[in-house]
Amino acid sequence: MKSNCMAIALALAVSACAGPPPPPPPPKQTVVDGFYRGTSTRFQAGSRQCPRPGLVTVQMWDRRFQYRWAYQVFVDAEVLDDGTVRGQGPGITLLGRYADKKMEGDVTNGDCGLHFTVMLRE
């Protein structure tokens, strides 16, 4: 009986010393496949060859899409579980956020930069 009490006391002491459990992972963003429409604005123009801002249309499929940077130049991008949007093209990077059927981000090649915002077309 005495050894059972000591074992229980030891187990309680060890569990009390353990740190708190790790936080749960962030909830997975629900990304809806479909057509997204919106606009882009220029935030950087270090060259005359920078793409023009204007209307933006992307088609999301299985968390992936292509952003049209210029004529025949596309950036392959994806939405991660935490809502981060990231992509790369030939010398081009895309970084943004996705939440509640809205996506926005910045696309740049170092000389030129566009900020875009698109919403799911329902």
N, C-alpha and C. Protein backbone atom coordinates (compact mmCIF):
# COMPACT_ATOMS: atom_id res chain seq x y z
N MET A 1 0.82 -1.18 0.00
CA MET A 1 0.00 0.00 0.00
C MET A 1 0.86 1.25 0.00
N LYS A 2 1.92 1.19 0.83
CA LYS A 2 2.81 2.33 0.94
C LYS A 2 3.52 2.58 -0.40
N SER A 3 3.91 1.50 -1.11
CA SER A 3 4.59 1.65 -2.39
C SER A 3 3.64 2.20 -3.46
N ASN A 4 2.35 1.83 -3.39
CA ASN A 4 1.37 2.38 -4.34
C ASN A 4 1.20 3.87 -4.14
N CYS A 5 1.14 4.31 -2.90
CA CYS A 5 1.01 5.73 -2.59
C CYS A 5 2.23 6.51 -3.06
N MET A 6 3.42 5.91 -2.86
CA MET A 6 4.64 6.57 -3.31
C MET A 6 4.69 6.66 -4.83
N ALA A 7 4.24 5.63 -5.51
CA ALA A 7 4.24 5.64 -6.98
C ALA A 7 3.28 6.70 -7.50
N ILE A 8 2.13 6.81 -6.87
CA ILE A 8 1.15 7.83 -7.29
C ILE A 8 1.70 9.22 -7.02
N ALA A 9 2.31 9.42 -5.87
CA ALA A 9 2.89 10.72 -5.53
C ALA A 9 4.01 11.08 -6.51
N LEU A 10 4.83 10.11 -6.85
CA LEU A 10 5.92 10.35 -7.80
C LEU A 10 5.36 10.71 -9.17
N ALA A 11 4.33 10.01 -9.63
CA ALA A 11 3.72 10.30 -10.93
C ALA A 11 3.12 11.69 -10.95
N LEU A 12 2.46 12.09 -9.86
CA LEU A 12 1.89 13.44 -9.78
C LEU A 12 2.97 14.50 -9.78
N ALA A 13 4.06 14.25 -9.09
CA ALA A 13 5.16 15.21 -9.04
C ALA A 13 5.80 15.38 -10.42
N VAL A 14 6.00 14.29 -11.13
CA VAL A 14 6.61 14.35 -12.46
C VAL A 14 5.68 15.09 -13.42
N SER A 15 4.39 14.81 -13.38
CA SER A 15 3.46 15.46 -14.30
C SER A 15 3.33 16.94 -13.99
N ALA A 16 3.49 17.31 -12.73
CA ALA A 16 3.41 18.72 -12.37
C ALA A 16 4.62 19.49 -12.90
N CYS A 17 5.76 18.82 -13.07
CA CYS A 17 6.97 19.47 -13.56
C CYS A 17 6.98 19.62 -15.08
N ALA A 18 6.18 18.84 -15.75
CA ALA A 18 6.17 18.90 -17.21
C ALA A 18 5.60 20.24 -17.65
N GLY A 19 6.11 20.77 -18.73
CA GLY A 19 5.63 22.04 -19.27
C GLY A 19 4.24 21.90 -19.85
N PRO A 20 3.66 23.01 -20.22
CA PRO A 20 2.32 22.96 -20.81
C PRO A 20 2.37 22.25 -22.17
N PRO A 21 1.27 21.70 -22.59
CA PRO A 21 1.27 21.03 -23.89
C PRO A 21 1.49 22.05 -25.00
N PRO A 22 2.03 21.62 -26.14
CA PRO A 22 2.27 22.57 -27.23
C PRO A 22 0.94 23.11 -27.75
N PRO A 23 0.97 24.34 -28.27
CA PRO A 23 -0.28 24.91 -28.79
C PRO A 23 -0.76 24.11 -30.01
N PRO A 24 -2.05 24.10 -30.22
CA PRO A 24 -2.56 23.37 -31.39
C PRO A 24 -2.11 24.07 -32.67
N PRO A 25 -1.99 23.34 -33.77
CA PRO A 25 -1.60 23.98 -35.02
C PRO A 25 -2.68 24.96 -35.47
N PRO A 26 -2.31 25.98 -36.26
CA PRO A 26 -3.32 26.92 -36.73
C PRO A 26 -4.35 26.19 -37.59
N PRO A 27 -5.58 26.67 -37.57
CA PRO A 27 -6.60 25.99 -38.37
C PRO A 27 -6.27 26.08 -39.86
N LYS A 28 -6.57 25.03 -40.56
CA LYS A 28 -6.32 24.99 -42.00
C LYS A 28 -7.30 25.92 -42.70
N GLN A 29 -6.76 26.82 -43.51
CA GLN A 29 -7.61 27.73 -44.27
C GLN A 29 -8.43 26.95 -45.29
N THR A 30 -9.69 27.24 -45.38
CA THR A 30 -10.53 26.64 -46.39
C THR A 30 -10.39 27.46 -47.65
N VAL A 31 -9.76 26.90 -48.65
CA VAL A 31 -9.53 27.59 -49.91
C VAL A 31 -10.56 27.08 -50.91
N VAL A 32 -11.28 27.99 -51.51
CA VAL A 32 -12.35 27.63 -52.43
C VAL A 32 -11.83 27.71 -53.86
N ASP A 33 -11.98 26.59 -54.58
CA ASP A 33 -11.62 26.59 -56.00
C ASP A 33 -12.60 27.48 -56.76
N GLY A 34 -12.10 28.12 -57.80
CA GLY A 34 -12.96 28.96 -58.62
C GLY A 34 -12.21 30.13 -59.19
N PHE A 35 -12.98 31.05 -59.76
CA PHE A 35 -12.40 32.25 -60.37
C PHE A 35 -12.39 33.40 -59.37
N TYR A 36 -11.26 34.05 -59.29
CA TYR A 36 -11.09 35.21 -58.42
C TYR A 36 -10.82 36.42 -59.31
N ARG A 37 -11.47 37.52 -58.98
CA ARG A 37 -11.29 38.77 -59.75
C ARG A 37 -10.99 39.91 -58.82
N GLY A 38 -10.21 40.85 -59.34
CA GLY A 38 -9.87 42.03 -58.56
C GLY A 38 -8.99 42.97 -59.36
N THR A 39 -8.15 43.70 -58.65
CA THR A 39 -7.31 44.70 -59.29
C THR A 39 -5.89 44.64 -58.72
N SER A 40 -4.99 45.28 -59.44
CA SER A 40 -3.62 45.45 -58.96
C SER A 40 -3.25 46.93 -59.04
N THR A 41 -2.35 47.32 -58.15
CA THR A 41 -1.80 48.67 -58.17
C THR A 41 -0.28 48.55 -58.14
N ARG A 42 0.39 49.54 -58.68
CA ARG A 42 1.85 49.53 -58.73
C ARG A 42 2.40 50.17 -57.48
N PHE A 43 3.38 49.51 -56.85
CA PHE A 43 4.06 50.11 -55.70
C PHE A 43 5.54 50.32 -55.98
N GLN A 44 6.02 49.85 -57.13
CA GLN A 44 7.43 50.03 -57.48
C GLN A 44 7.54 50.04 -59.00
N ALA A 45 8.25 51.03 -59.53
CA ALA A 45 8.44 51.11 -60.98
C ALA A 45 9.84 51.63 -61.27
N GLY A 46 10.81 50.72 -61.25
CA GLY A 46 12.20 51.09 -61.49
C GLY A 46 12.63 50.89 -62.93
N SER A 47 11.67 50.58 -63.81
CA SER A 47 12.00 50.30 -65.20
C SER A 47 10.79 50.65 -66.07
N ARG A 48 11.06 51.02 -67.31
CA ARG A 48 9.97 51.32 -68.25
C ARG A 48 9.26 50.04 -68.69
N GLN A 49 9.88 48.90 -68.49
CA GLN A 49 9.29 47.63 -68.89
C GLN A 49 8.41 47.00 -67.79
N CYS A 50 8.12 47.73 -66.73
CA CYS A 50 7.29 47.18 -65.66
C CYS A 50 5.88 46.90 -66.19
N PRO A 51 5.28 45.81 -65.71
CA PRO A 51 3.91 45.52 -66.13
C PRO A 51 2.95 46.59 -65.61
N ARG A 52 1.88 46.75 -66.33
CA ARG A 52 0.89 47.76 -65.95
C ARG A 52 -0.09 47.17 -64.93
N PRO A 53 -0.49 48.00 -63.98
CA PRO A 53 -1.52 47.55 -63.05
C PRO A 53 -2.88 47.53 -63.76
N GLY A 54 -3.83 46.86 -63.16
CA GLY A 54 -5.17 46.83 -63.75
C GLY A 54 -5.98 45.68 -63.20
N LEU A 55 -6.85 45.15 -64.05
CA LEU A 55 -7.72 44.04 -63.64
C LEU A 55 -6.92 42.75 -63.52
N VAL A 56 -7.28 41.94 -62.53
CA VAL A 56 -6.60 40.67 -62.28
C VAL A 56 -7.66 39.58 -62.21
N THR A 57 -7.41 38.48 -62.91
CA THR A 57 -8.26 37.29 -62.84
C THR A 57 -7.36 36.08 -62.65
N VAL A 58 -7.67 35.28 -61.64
CA VAL A 58 -6.93 34.03 -61.43
C VAL A 58 -7.94 32.91 -61.22
N GLN A 59 -7.55 31.72 -61.61
CA GLN A 59 -8.37 30.54 -61.36
C GLN A 59 -7.67 29.66 -60.35
N MET A 60 -8.31 29.46 -59.20
CA MET A 60 -7.76 28.62 -58.14
C MET A 60 -8.20 27.18 -58.39
N TRP A 61 -7.25 26.27 -58.29
CA TRP A 61 -7.54 24.85 -58.43
C TRP A 61 -6.65 24.09 -57.47
N ASP A 62 -7.24 23.42 -56.49
CA ASP A 62 -6.49 22.62 -55.52
C ASP A 62 -5.40 23.45 -54.83
N ARG A 63 -5.78 24.67 -54.40
CA ARG A 63 -4.89 25.60 -53.69
C ARG A 63 -3.78 26.19 -54.56
N ARG A 64 -3.86 26.00 -55.85
CA ARG A 64 -2.82 26.50 -56.76
C ARG A 64 -3.43 27.42 -57.82
N PHE A 65 -2.61 28.37 -58.28
CA PHE A 65 -3.05 29.28 -59.33
C PHE A 65 -1.82 29.86 -60.02
N GLN A 66 -2.06 30.54 -61.13
CA GLN A 66 -0.99 31.26 -61.83
C GLN A 66 -1.36 32.73 -61.87
N TYR A 67 -0.39 33.56 -61.52
CA TYR A 67 -0.57 35.02 -61.60
C TYR A 67 0.12 35.50 -62.87
N ARG A 68 -0.61 36.22 -63.69
CA ARG A 68 -0.02 36.72 -64.94
C ARG A 68 0.74 38.01 -64.65
N TRP A 69 2.04 37.94 -64.82
CA TRP A 69 2.93 39.08 -64.57
C TRP A 69 3.02 39.96 -65.81
N ALA A 70 3.23 39.36 -66.95
CA ALA A 70 3.35 40.08 -68.22
C ALA A 70 2.92 39.12 -69.33
N TYR A 71 2.92 39.61 -70.55
CA TYR A 71 2.55 38.77 -71.69
C TYR A 71 3.41 37.51 -71.70
N GLN A 72 2.78 36.37 -71.60
CA GLN A 72 3.43 35.05 -71.59
C GLN A 72 4.41 34.85 -70.43
N VAL A 73 4.25 35.60 -69.34
CA VAL A 73 5.08 35.42 -68.14
C VAL A 73 4.13 35.21 -66.96
N PHE A 74 4.19 34.01 -66.37
CA PHE A 74 3.30 33.65 -65.27
C PHE A 74 4.10 33.26 -64.05
N VAL A 75 3.50 33.49 -62.88
CA VAL A 75 4.08 33.10 -61.60
C VAL A 75 3.22 31.97 -61.05
N ASP A 76 3.82 30.80 -60.83
CA ASP A 76 3.12 29.68 -60.21
C ASP A 76 3.05 29.92 -58.71
N ALA A 77 1.83 29.83 -58.15
CA ALA A 77 1.66 30.14 -56.73
C ALA A 77 0.73 29.13 -56.06
N GLU A 78 0.78 29.11 -54.72
CA GLU A 78 -0.05 28.21 -53.95
C GLU A 78 -0.45 28.87 -52.63
N VAL A 79 -1.55 28.37 -52.05
CA VAL A 79 -2.01 28.82 -50.74
C VAL A 79 -1.66 27.72 -49.74
N LEU A 80 -0.89 28.06 -48.72
CA LEU A 80 -0.49 27.10 -47.69
C LEU A 80 -1.61 26.96 -46.65
N ASP A 81 -1.50 25.93 -45.81
CA ASP A 81 -2.53 25.66 -44.80
C ASP A 81 -2.80 26.83 -43.87
N ASP A 82 -1.77 27.63 -43.56
CA ASP A 82 -1.95 28.74 -42.63
C ASP A 82 -2.45 30.01 -43.31
N GLY A 83 -2.76 29.95 -44.62
CA GLY A 83 -3.26 31.12 -45.34
C GLY A 83 -2.19 31.92 -46.05
N THR A 84 -0.93 31.55 -45.88
CA THR A 84 0.14 32.23 -46.59
C THR A 84 0.05 31.88 -48.08
N VAL A 85 0.23 32.89 -48.91
CA VAL A 85 0.26 32.69 -50.36
C VAL A 85 1.69 32.95 -50.80
N ARG A 86 2.24 32.02 -51.59
CA ARG A 86 3.61 32.22 -52.06
C ARG A 86 3.75 31.64 -53.46
N GLY A 87 4.67 32.23 -54.21
CA GLY A 87 4.91 31.75 -55.56
C GLY A 87 6.19 32.29 -56.12
N GLN A 88 6.61 31.67 -57.24
CA GLN A 88 7.84 32.09 -57.91
C GLN A 88 7.67 31.93 -59.41
N GLY A 89 8.34 32.79 -60.12
CA GLY A 89 8.41 32.73 -61.57
C GLY A 89 9.83 33.05 -61.98
N PRO A 90 10.05 33.35 -63.25
CA PRO A 90 11.41 33.67 -63.70
C PRO A 90 11.90 35.00 -63.12
N GLY A 91 12.60 34.93 -61.99
CA GLY A 91 13.11 36.13 -61.33
C GLY A 91 12.04 36.93 -60.60
N ILE A 92 10.90 36.33 -60.35
CA ILE A 92 9.75 37.03 -59.76
C ILE A 92 9.32 36.27 -58.50
N THR A 93 8.96 37.01 -57.46
CA THR A 93 8.42 36.39 -56.25
C THR A 93 7.03 36.95 -55.96
N LEU A 94 6.21 36.10 -55.36
CA LEU A 94 4.86 36.49 -54.96
C LEU A 94 4.69 36.08 -53.51
N LEU A 95 4.19 37.00 -52.68
CA LEU A 95 3.95 36.71 -51.27
C LEU A 95 2.68 37.43 -50.84
N GLY A 96 1.79 36.69 -50.16
CA GLY A 96 0.54 37.30 -49.74
C GLY A 96 -0.19 36.48 -48.70
N ARG A 97 -1.50 36.78 -48.53
CA ARG A 97 -2.35 36.12 -47.55
C ARG A 97 -3.69 35.78 -48.18
N TYR A 98 -4.30 34.69 -47.71
CA TYR A 98 -5.62 34.27 -48.13
C TYR A 98 -6.49 34.11 -46.88
N ALA A 99 -7.70 34.68 -46.91
CA ALA A 99 -8.66 34.52 -45.82
C ALA A 99 -10.05 34.89 -46.33
N ASP A 100 -11.02 34.11 -45.94
CA ASP A 100 -12.43 34.41 -46.24
C ASP A 100 -12.69 34.71 -47.71
N LYS A 101 -12.21 33.86 -48.59
CA LYS A 101 -12.43 33.97 -50.04
C LYS A 101 -11.82 35.23 -50.64
N LYS A 102 -10.84 35.81 -49.95
CA LYS A 102 -10.13 37.00 -50.43
C LYS A 102 -8.64 36.72 -50.38
N MET A 103 -7.94 37.15 -51.42
CA MET A 103 -6.50 36.96 -51.48
C MET A 103 -5.86 38.28 -51.87
N GLU A 104 -4.78 38.61 -51.18
CA GLU A 104 -4.02 39.79 -51.58
C GLU A 104 -2.54 39.54 -51.37
N GLY A 105 -1.74 40.25 -52.15
CA GLY A 105 -0.31 40.04 -52.04
C GLY A 105 0.48 40.98 -52.91
N ASP A 106 1.78 40.79 -52.87
CA ASP A 106 2.73 41.59 -53.64
C ASP A 106 3.51 40.68 -54.57
N VAL A 107 3.70 41.16 -55.79
CA VAL A 107 4.49 40.45 -56.80
C VAL A 107 5.59 41.40 -57.25
N THR A 108 6.85 40.92 -57.21
CA THR A 108 7.94 41.81 -57.56
C THR A 108 9.10 41.05 -58.19
N ASN A 109 9.85 41.78 -59.01
CA ASN A 109 11.07 41.23 -59.57
C ASN A 109 12.29 42.04 -59.12
N GLY A 110 12.11 42.93 -58.17
CA GLY A 110 13.20 43.77 -57.67
C GLY A 110 13.16 45.16 -58.26
N ASP A 111 12.78 45.30 -59.54
CA ASP A 111 12.65 46.61 -60.18
C ASP A 111 11.20 47.07 -60.24
N CYS A 112 10.30 46.11 -60.38
CA CYS A 112 8.88 46.42 -60.55
C CYS A 112 8.10 45.68 -59.47
N GLY A 113 7.01 46.29 -59.02
CA GLY A 113 6.19 45.64 -58.00
C GLY A 113 4.73 45.99 -58.15
N LEU A 114 3.88 44.97 -58.03
CA LEU A 114 2.43 45.15 -58.06
C LEU A 114 1.83 44.58 -56.78
N HIS A 115 0.83 45.27 -56.26
CA HIS A 115 0.03 44.77 -55.15
C HIS A 115 -1.32 44.39 -55.73
N PHE A 116 -1.80 43.17 -55.43
CA PHE A 116 -3.09 42.74 -55.98
C PHE A 116 -4.05 42.33 -54.87
N THR A 117 -5.33 42.48 -55.14
CA THR A 117 -6.40 42.03 -54.26
C THR A 117 -7.46 41.39 -55.14
N VAL A 118 -7.83 40.14 -54.85
CA VAL A 118 -8.86 39.44 -55.62
C VAL A 118 -9.83 38.77 -54.65
N MET A 119 -11.08 38.65 -55.10
CA MET A 119 -12.15 38.00 -54.34
C MET A 119 -12.75 36.90 -55.18
N LEU A 120 -13.26 35.86 -54.51
CA LEU A 120 -13.92 34.78 -55.22
C LEU A 120 -15.17 35.32 -55.90
N ARG A 121 -15.32 35.00 -57.17
CA ARG A 121 -16.49 35.41 -57.93
C ARG A 121 -17.56 34.34 -57.72
N GLU A 122 -18.65 34.73 -57.08
CA GLU A 122 -19.71 33.76 -56.78
C GLU A 122 -20.93 34.02 -57.62
